[in-house]
Amino acid sequence: MRGRCAVKTTTNDTARLPKNRPPTHPGEILLEEFLNPAGMSQAEAARRLDIPTNRINELVKGKRGMTAGTALKLAALFDTTPQFWMNLQTNLELWQAMHKPATVAVTPYRHVPA
């Protein structure tokens, strides 16, 4: 009998993460690739997204992470997908975790057929 899990897992899932630097913060992408080219201020973006200006500002400064709610709104505003924004955040967090000293040693699970 085959396993029930339909999710393909590989050891190469992190191949697209930068090796020598952290991935670009989603706030920097927002500023440099979306707000600046559109000539849109942080205040205008906040107004259009119906969120506080300080949320956009903290995101742009790298002091706040991307949330699912903000990703949904940014996707609608800039005709992208929420996954685009969330993947930026996930890649950053994964890279940070991978470059932090391990606090607990984990022994890989090895399935032994019955």
C-alpha atoms as a PDB file:
ATOM      1  CA  MET A   1       0.000   0.000   0.000  1.00  0.00           C
ATOM      2  CA  ARG A   2       1.305   3.442  -0.917  1.00  0.00           C
ATOM      3  CA  GLY A   3       1.454   6.292   1.590  1.00  0.00           C
ATOM      4  CA  ARG A   4      -1.583   8.526   1.899  1.00  0.00           C
ATOM      5  CA  CYS A   5       0.281  11.814   1.727  1.00  0.00           C
ATOM      6  CA  ALA A   6      -0.109  13.415  -1.690  1.00  0.00           C
ATOM      7  CA  VAL A   7       2.363  16.189  -0.895  1.00  0.00           C
ATOM      8  CA  LYS A   8       5.706  15.734  -2.603  1.00  0.00           C
ATOM      9  CA  THR A   9       8.569  16.480  -0.265  1.00  0.00           C
ATOM     10  CA  THR A  10      12.158  16.854  -1.312  1.00  0.00           C
ATOM     11  CA  THR A  11      15.375  17.862   0.332  1.00  0.00           C
ATOM     12  CA  ASN A  12      15.885  20.520  -2.335  1.00  0.00           C
ATOM     13  CA  ASP A  13      12.954  22.773  -1.403  1.00  0.00           C
ATOM     14  CA  THR A  14      15.312  25.537  -0.262  1.00  0.00           C
ATOM     15  CA  ALA A  15      17.228  25.667  -3.552  1.00  0.00           C
ATOM     16  CA  ARG A  16      15.794  29.095  -4.391  1.00  0.00           C
ATOM     17  CA  LEU A  17      16.850  30.743  -1.122  1.00  0.00           C
ATOM     18  CA  PRO A  18      19.956  32.929  -1.317  1.00  0.00           C
ATOM     19  CA  LYS A  19      22.983  31.307   0.282  1.00  0.00           C
ATOM     20  CA  ASN A  20      25.031  34.347   1.303  1.00  0.00           C
ATOM     21  CA  ARG A  21      22.397  36.877   2.296  1.00  0.00           C
ATOM     22  CA  PRO A  22      18.865  36.883   3.648  1.00  0.00           C
ATOM     23  CA  PRO A  23      16.039  37.040   1.107  1.00  0.00           C
ATOM     24  CA  THR A  24      14.742  40.523   0.435  1.00  0.00           C
ATOM     25  CA  HIS A  25      12.154  41.639   2.991  1.00  0.00           C
ATOM     26  CA  PRO A  26       8.625  41.915   1.533  1.00  0.00           C
ATOM     27  CA  GLY A  27       8.519  45.561   2.623  1.00  0.00           C
ATOM     28  CA  GLU A  28      11.548  46.391   0.486  1.00  0.00           C
ATOM     29  CA  ILE A  29       9.919  44.653  -2.486  1.00  0.00           C
ATOM     30  CA  LEU A  30       6.722  46.615  -1.823  1.00  0.00           C
ATOM     31  CA  LEU A  31       8.595  49.920  -1.788  1.00  0.00           C
ATOM     32  CA  GLU A  32      11.080  49.366  -4.608  1.00  0.00           C
ATOM     33  CA  GLU A  33       9.023  47.271  -7.026  1.00  0.00           C
ATOM     34  CA  PHE A  34       5.498  48.573  -6.464  1.00  0.00           C
ATOM     35  CA  LEU A  35       5.123  51.866  -4.582  1.00  0.00           C
ATOM     36  CA  ASN A  36       8.031  53.805  -6.105  1.00  0.00           C
ATOM     37  CA  PRO A  37       7.359  52.782  -9.739  1.00  0.00           C
ATOM     38  CA  ALA A  38       3.664  53.640  -9.279  1.00  0.00           C
ATOM     39  CA  GLY A  39       4.527  57.016  -7.757  1.00  0.00           C
ATOM     40  CA  MET A  40       2.388  56.003  -4.783  1.00  0.00           C
ATOM     41  CA  SER A  41       3.192  57.205  -1.283  1.00  0.00           C
ATOM     42  CA  GLN A  42       2.927  54.961   1.739  1.00  0.00           C
ATOM     43  CA  ALA A  43       0.057  57.135   2.964  1.00  0.00           C
ATOM     44  CA  GLU A  44      -1.846  56.711  -0.305  1.00  0.00           C
ATOM     45  CA  ALA A  45      -1.275  52.951  -0.271  1.00  0.00           C
ATOM     46  CA  ALA A  46      -2.515  52.761   3.313  1.00  0.00           C
ATOM     47  CA  ARG A  47      -5.621  54.744   2.391  1.00  0.00           C
ATOM     48  CA  ARG A  48      -6.364  52.516  -0.615  1.00  0.00           C
ATOM     49  CA  LEU A  49      -5.781  49.373   1.486  1.00  0.00           C
ATOM     50  CA  ASP A  50      -7.829  50.725   4.403  1.00  0.00           C
ATOM     51  CA  ILE A  51      -5.019  50.039   6.869  1.00  0.00           C
ATOM     52  CA  PRO A  52      -3.072  52.337   9.201  1.00  0.00           C
ATOM     53  CA  THR A  53      -0.176  54.197   7.583  1.00  0.00           C
ATOM     54  CA  ASN A  54       2.183  52.963  10.287  1.00  0.00           C
ATOM     55  CA  ARG A  55       1.514  49.356   9.196  1.00  0.00           C
ATOM     56  CA  ILE A  56       2.812  50.127   5.693  1.00  0.00           C
ATOM     57  CA  ASN A  57       5.705  52.157   7.101  1.00  0.00           C
ATOM     58  CA  GLU A  58       6.777  49.408   9.511  1.00  0.00           C
ATOM     59  CA  LEU A  59       6.529  46.837   6.714  1.00  0.00           C
ATOM     60  CA  VAL A  60       8.656  48.992   4.383  1.00  0.00           C
ATOM     61  CA  LYS A  61      11.247  49.534   7.143  1.00  0.00           C
ATOM     62  CA  GLY A  62      11.420  45.784   7.827  1.00  0.00           C
ATOM     63  CA  LYS A  63      10.048  46.178  11.345  1.00  0.00           C
ATOM     64  CA  ARG A  64       6.886  44.200  10.588  1.00  0.00           C
ATOM     65  CA  GLY A  65       6.259  41.016   8.688  1.00  0.00           C
ATOM     66  CA  MET A  66       3.690  40.403   5.991  1.00  0.00           C
ATOM     67  CA  THR A  67       0.345  39.142   7.277  1.00  0.00           C
ATOM     68  CA  ALA A  68      -2.218  37.177   5.310  1.00  0.00           C
ATOM     69  CA  GLY A  69      -4.684  40.065   5.543  1.00  0.00           C
ATOM     70  CA  THR A  70      -2.196  42.582   4.186  1.00  0.00           C
ATOM     71  CA  ALA A  71      -1.138  40.101   1.477  1.00  0.00           C
ATOM     72  CA  LEU A  72      -4.748  39.806   0.315  1.00  0.00           C
ATOM     73  CA  LYS A  73      -5.118  43.582   0.123  1.00  0.00           C
ATOM     74  CA  LEU A  74      -1.789  44.137  -1.631  1.00  0.00           C
ATOM     75  CA  ALA A  75      -2.646  41.418  -4.147  1.00  0.00           C
ATOM     76  CA  ALA A  76      -5.895  43.191  -4.987  1.00  0.00           C
ATOM     77  CA  LEU A  77      -4.231  46.622  -5.202  1.00  0.00           C
ATOM     78  CA  PHE A  78      -1.286  45.602  -7.376  1.00  0.00           C
ATOM     79  CA  ASP A  79      -2.872  42.745  -9.345  1.00  0.00           C
ATOM     80  CA  THR A  80      -0.596  40.105  -7.864  1.00  0.00           C
ATOM     81  CA  THR A  81      -1.459  37.086  -5.733  1.00  0.00           C
ATOM     82  CA  PRO A  82      -1.542  36.783  -1.959  1.00  0.00           C
ATOM     83  CA  GLN A  83       0.841  33.842  -2.372  1.00  0.00           C
ATOM     84  CA  PHE A  84       3.438  36.150  -3.917  1.00  0.00           C
ATOM     85  CA  TRP A  85       3.500  38.313  -0.790  1.00  0.00           C
ATOM     86  CA  MET A  86       3.299  35.417   1.659  1.00  0.00           C
ATOM     87  CA  ASN A  87       6.093  33.524  -0.138  1.00  0.00           C
ATOM     88  CA  LEU A  88       8.376  36.532   0.308  1.00  0.00           C
ATOM     89  CA  GLN A  89       7.688  36.445   4.052  1.00  0.00           C
ATOM     90  CA  THR A  90       7.984  32.664   4.305  1.00  0.00           C
ATOM     91  CA  ASN A  91      11.317  32.629   2.465  1.00  0.00           C
ATOM     92  CA  LEU A  92      12.690  35.308   4.778  1.00  0.00           C
ATOM     93  CA  GLU A  93      11.551  33.506   7.936  1.00  0.00           C
ATOM     94  CA  LEU A  94      12.838  30.153   6.698  1.00  0.00           C
ATOM     95  CA  TRP A  95      16.254  31.622   5.867  1.00  0.00           C
ATOM     96  CA  GLN A  96      16.424  33.262   9.293  1.00  0.00           C
ATOM     97  CA  ALA A  97      15.528  29.986  11.015  1.00  0.00           C
ATOM     98  CA  MET A  98      18.093  28.057   8.953  1.00  0.00           C
ATOM     99  CA  HIS A  99      20.836  30.481   9.978  1.00  0.00           C
ATOM    100  CA  LYS A 100      20.007  30.452  13.658  1.00  0.00           C
ATOM    101  CA  PRO A 101      21.896  27.998  15.860  1.00  0.00           C
ATOM    102  CA  ALA A 102      19.841  24.865  16.455  1.00  0.00           C
ATOM    103  CA  THR A 103      18.494  24.695  19.999  1.00  0.00           C
ATOM    104  CA  VAL A 104      17.279  21.101  19.839  1.00  0.00           C
ATOM    105  CA  ALA A 105      18.823  18.192  17.999  1.00  0.00           C
ATOM    106  CA  VAL A 106      16.197  16.327  16.012  1.00  0.00           C
ATOM    107  CA  THR A 107      16.659  12.744  14.925  1.00  0.00           C
ATOM    108  CA  PRO A 108      15.033  12.099  11.539  1.00  0.00           C
ATOM    109  CA  TYR A 109      12.083   9.708  11.556  1.00  0.00           C
ATOM    110  CA  ARG A 110      12.692   6.478   9.690  1.00  0.00           C
ATOM    111  CA  HIS A 111       9.627   4.460   8.882  1.00  0.00           C
ATOM    112  CA  VAL A 112      10.100   0.760   9.442  1.00  0.00           C
ATOM    113  CA  PRO A 113       7.557  -1.326   7.488  1.00  0.00           C
ATOM    114  CA  ALA A 114       5.550  -3.678   9.673  1.00  0.00           C
END
